[in-house]
C-alpha atoms as a PDB file:
ATOM      1  CA  UNK A   1      96.723  74.605 101.901  1.00  0.00           C
ATOM      2  CA  UNK A   2      97.177  73.275 105.549  1.00  0.00           C
ATOM      3  CA  UNK A   3      99.641  71.053 107.002  1.00  0.00           C
ATOM      4  CA  UNK A   4      99.212  68.304 109.625  1.00  0.00           C
ATOM      5  CA  UNK A   5     102.671  67.452 110.392  1.00  0.00           C
ATOM      6  CA  UNK A   6     104.967  70.233 108.912  1.00  0.00           C
ATOM      7  CA  UNK A   7     105.162  73.109 111.252  1.00  0.00           C
ATOM      8  CA  UNK A   8     107.202  75.900 110.362  1.00  0.00           C
ATOM      9  CA  UNK A   9     109.635  78.186 112.107  1.00  0.00           C
ATOM     10  CA  UNK A  10     110.632  81.354 110.556  1.00  0.00           C
ATOM     11  CA  UNK A  11     113.742  83.437 111.088  1.00  0.00           C
ATOM     12  CA  UNK A  12     114.892  86.231 108.685  1.00  0.00           C
ATOM     13  CA  UNK A  13     118.074  87.997 108.328  1.00  0.00           C
ATOM     14  CA  UNK A  14     118.618  91.888 107.775  1.00  0.00           C
ATOM     15  CA  UNK A  15     118.516  91.536 104.135  1.00  0.00           C
ATOM     16  CA  UNK A  16     115.128  90.067 104.045  1.00  0.00           C
ATOM     17  CA  UNK A  17     116.248  86.578 103.362  1.00  0.00           C
ATOM     18  CA  UNK A  18     113.985  84.188 105.221  1.00  0.00           C
ATOM     19  CA  UNK A  19     114.304  80.519 106.566  1.00  0.00           C
ATOM     20  CA  UNK A  20     111.315  78.096 106.918  1.00  0.00           C
ATOM     21  CA  UNK A  21     112.614  75.287 109.404  1.00  0.00           C
ATOM     22  CA  UNK A  22     110.369  72.568 110.406  1.00  0.00           C
ATOM     23  CA  UNK A  23     111.037  69.215 112.267  1.00  0.00           C
ATOM     24  CA  UNK A  24     108.375  66.285 112.303  1.00  0.00           C
ATOM     25  CA  UNK A  25     109.234  63.436 114.384  1.00  0.00           C
ATOM     26  CA  UNK A  26     106.360  60.728 114.062  1.00  0.00           C
ATOM     27  CA  UNK A  27     106.001  56.817 114.344  1.00  0.00           C
ATOM     28  CA  UNK A  28     106.116  54.651 111.337  1.00  0.00           C
ATOM     29  CA  UNK A  29     102.472  55.134 110.670  1.00  0.00           C
ATOM     30  CA  UNK A  30     102.692  58.475 110.237  1.00  0.00           C
ATOM     31  CA  UNK A  31     105.818  58.605 108.008  1.00  0.00           C
ATOM     32  CA  UNK A  32     104.031  58.195 104.823  1.00  0.00           C
ATOM     33  CA  UNK A  33     102.008  61.134 105.266  1.00  0.00           C
ATOM     34  CA  UNK A  34     104.811  63.271 106.579  1.00  0.00           C
ATOM     35  CA  UNK A  35     106.602  62.378 103.317  1.00  0.00           C
ATOM     36  CA  UNK A  36     103.839  63.470 101.492  1.00  0.00           C
ATOM     37  CA  UNK A  37     103.046  66.810 103.101  1.00  0.00           C
ATOM     38  CA  UNK A  38     107.356  67.423 102.423  1.00  0.00           C
ATOM     39  CA  UNK A  39     107.026  66.371  98.905  1.00  0.00           C
ATOM     40  CA  UNK A  40     103.900  68.682  98.331  1.00  0.00           C
ATOM     41  CA  UNK A  41     105.756  71.647  99.715  1.00  0.00           C
ATOM     42  CA  UNK A  42     108.883  70.661  97.515  1.00  0.00           C
ATOM     43  CA  UNK A  43     106.915  70.448  94.357  1.00  0.00           C
ATOM     44  CA  UNK A  44     104.839  73.712  94.878  1.00  0.00           C
ATOM     45  CA  UNK A  45     108.504  75.474  95.435  1.00  0.00           C
ATOM     46  CA  UNK A  46     109.884  73.803  92.170  1.00  0.00           C
ATOM     47  CA  UNK A  47     106.718  74.642  90.373  1.00  0.00           C
ATOM     48  CA  UNK A  48     106.322  78.161  91.151  1.00  0.00           C
ATOM     49  CA  UNK A  49     109.761  79.206  91.505  1.00  0.00           C
ATOM     50  CA  UNK A  50     110.655  77.017  88.285  1.00  0.00           C
ATOM     51  CA  UNK A  51     114.374  76.970  87.400  1.00  0.00           C
ATOM     52  CA  UNK A  52     115.085  79.464  90.448  1.00  0.00           C
ATOM     53  CA  UNK A  53     116.389  76.844  93.029  1.00  0.00           C
ATOM     54  CA  UNK A  54     119.884  77.838  93.987  1.00  0.00           C
ATOM     55  CA  UNK A  55     121.818  78.941  96.909  1.00  0.00           C
ATOM     56  CA  UNK A  56     120.856  82.683  97.421  1.00  0.00           C
ATOM     57  CA  UNK A  57     124.596  83.680  97.086  1.00  0.00           C
ATOM     58  CA  UNK A  58     124.832  82.184  93.611  1.00  0.00           C
ATOM     59  CA  UNK A  59     121.509  84.472  92.677  1.00  0.00           C
ATOM     60  CA  UNK A  60     118.829  81.638  93.304  1.00  0.00           C
ATOM     61  CA  UNK A  61     115.439  82.729  94.739  1.00  0.00           C
ATOM     62  CA  UNK A  62     115.002  79.712  97.079  1.00  0.00           C
ATOM     63  CA  UNK A  63     117.035  76.420  97.985  1.00  0.00           C
ATOM     64  CA  UNK A  64     116.444  73.529 100.791  1.00  0.00           C
ATOM     65  CA  UNK A  65     118.015  71.029 102.887  1.00  0.00           C
ATOM     66  CA  UNK A  66     116.399  67.984 103.652  1.00  0.00           C
ATOM     67  CA  UNK A  67     117.276  65.366 106.107  1.00  0.00           C
ATOM     68  CA  UNK A  68     115.739  62.330 107.555  1.00  0.00           C
ATOM     69  CA  UNK A  69     116.775  59.604 109.991  1.00  0.00           C
ATOM     70  CA  UNK A  70     115.367  57.197 112.170  1.00  0.00           C
ATOM     71  CA  UNK A  71     115.770  56.359 115.754  1.00  0.00           C
ATOM     72  CA  UNK A  72     115.105  53.308 117.956  1.00  0.00           C
ATOM     73  CA  UNK A  73     114.974  53.458 121.697  1.00  0.00           C
ATOM     74  CA  UNK A  74     115.665  51.158 124.322  1.00  0.00           C
ATOM     75  CA  UNK A  75     114.699  50.939 127.957  1.00  0.00           C
ATOM     76  CA  UNK A  76     117.530  50.080 130.502  1.00  0.00           C
ATOM     77  CA  UNK A  77     116.339  48.787 133.758  1.00  0.00           C
ATOM     78  CA  UNK A  78     118.067  49.915 136.517  1.00  0.00           C
ATOM     79  CA  UNK A  79     118.555  47.930 139.816  1.00  0.00           C
ATOM     80  CA  UNK A  80     120.938  49.264 142.387  1.00  0.00           C
ATOM     81  CA  UNK A  81     121.489  46.566 145.518  1.00  0.00           C
ATOM     82  CA  UNK A  82     122.154  48.218 148.341  1.00  0.00           C
ATOM     83  CA  UNK A  83     123.384  45.329 150.472  1.00  0.00           C
ATOM     84  CA  UNK A  84     126.036  44.960 147.753  1.00  0.00           C
ATOM     85  CA  UNK A  85     126.302  48.458 146.732  1.00  0.00           C
ATOM     86  CA  UNK A  86     126.471  47.358 142.951  1.00  0.00           C
ATOM     87  CA  UNK A  87     124.300  48.385 140.194  1.00  0.00           C
ATOM     88  CA  UNK A  88     122.568  46.010 137.445  1.00  0.00           C
ATOM     89  CA  UNK A  89     121.337  46.914 133.921  1.00  0.00           C
ATOM     90  CA  UNK A  90     118.591  44.992 132.347  1.00  0.00           C
ATOM     91  CA  UNK A  91     117.980  45.765 128.777  1.00  0.00           C
ATOM     92  CA  UNK A  92     114.849  45.494 127.263  1.00  0.00           C
ATOM     93  CA  UNK A  93     114.782  45.494 123.312  1.00  0.00           C
ATOM     94  CA  UNK A  94     114.574  48.322 121.235  1.00  0.00           C
ATOM     95  CA  UNK A  95     110.758  49.559 120.587  1.00  0.00           C
ATOM     96  CA  UNK A  96     109.278  50.982 117.278  1.00  0.00           C
ATOM     97  CA  UNK A  97     111.270  53.135 114.874  1.00  0.00           C
ATOM     98  CA  UNK A  98     110.737  56.925 115.567  1.00  0.00           C
ATOM     99  CA  UNK A  99     111.055  58.580 112.016  1.00  0.00           C
ATOM    100  CA  UNK A 100     112.293  62.216 111.808  1.00  0.00           C
ATOM    101  CA  UNK A 101     112.233  64.751 108.746  1.00  0.00           C
ATOM    102  CA  UNK A 102     113.793  68.311 108.617  1.00  0.00           C
ATOM    103  CA  UNK A 103     112.974  70.684 106.077  1.00  0.00           C
ATOM    104  CA  UNK A 104     114.671  73.930 105.713  1.00  0.00           C
ATOM    105  CA  UNK A 105     113.450  76.243 102.986  1.00  0.00           C
ATOM    106  CA  UNK A 106     115.522  79.574 102.452  1.00  0.00           C
ATOM    107  CA  UNK A 107     114.244  82.326  99.955  1.00  0.00           C
ATOM    108  CA  UNK A 108     114.109  85.667  99.170  1.00  0.00           C
ATOM    109  CA  UNK A 109     111.433  88.264 100.535  1.00  0.00           C
ATOM    110  CA  UNK A 110     109.551  87.553  97.181  1.00  0.00           C
ATOM    111  CA  UNK A 111     109.642  83.441  97.823  1.00  0.00           C
ATOM    112  CA  UNK A 112     108.684  83.993 101.506  1.00  0.00           C
ATOM    113  CA  UNK A 113     105.656  85.971 100.746  1.00  0.00           C
ATOM    114  CA  UNK A 114     104.579  82.968  98.389  1.00  0.00           C
ATOM    115  CA  UNK A 115     105.431  80.541 100.571  1.00  0.00           C
ATOM    116  CA  UNK A 116     103.693  82.062 103.614  1.00  0.00           C
ATOM    117  CA  UNK A 117     100.512  82.891 101.095  1.00  0.00           C
ATOM    118  CA  UNK A 118     100.447  79.056 100.267  1.00  0.00           C
ATOM    119  CA  UNK A 119     101.329  77.575 103.093  1.00  0.00           C
ATOM    120  CA  UNK A 120     100.835  79.567 106.523  1.00  0.00           C
ATOM    121  CA  UNK A 121      97.574  81.285 105.561  1.00  0.00           C
ATOM    122  CA  UNK A 122      94.631  80.749 107.721  1.00  0.00           C
END
């Protein structure tokens, strides 16, 4: 399955435990598609490794951390008056929200291999 929004970086420790990290920041129009990809990845993991999600230190095969936030940006127009030596600020209204989703999935070598095959194989 190809992913359009989630692009995973991979890191691995000396014991072969791997972590896939993805961060997607999009305009509101694309938020539903990002969330659908996150749901698809997590549904696969829960199905393919059923009842095996737990911290790896507690004997789990995989675990994940999922976070999301909305950010609003506003422009401040700055003007310096060289005669008075003063700076003035005119704040513009905030623009549309930017939705950001962070997903980290950690797993054993077996989980990582299956994850790569499912989501990262070309």
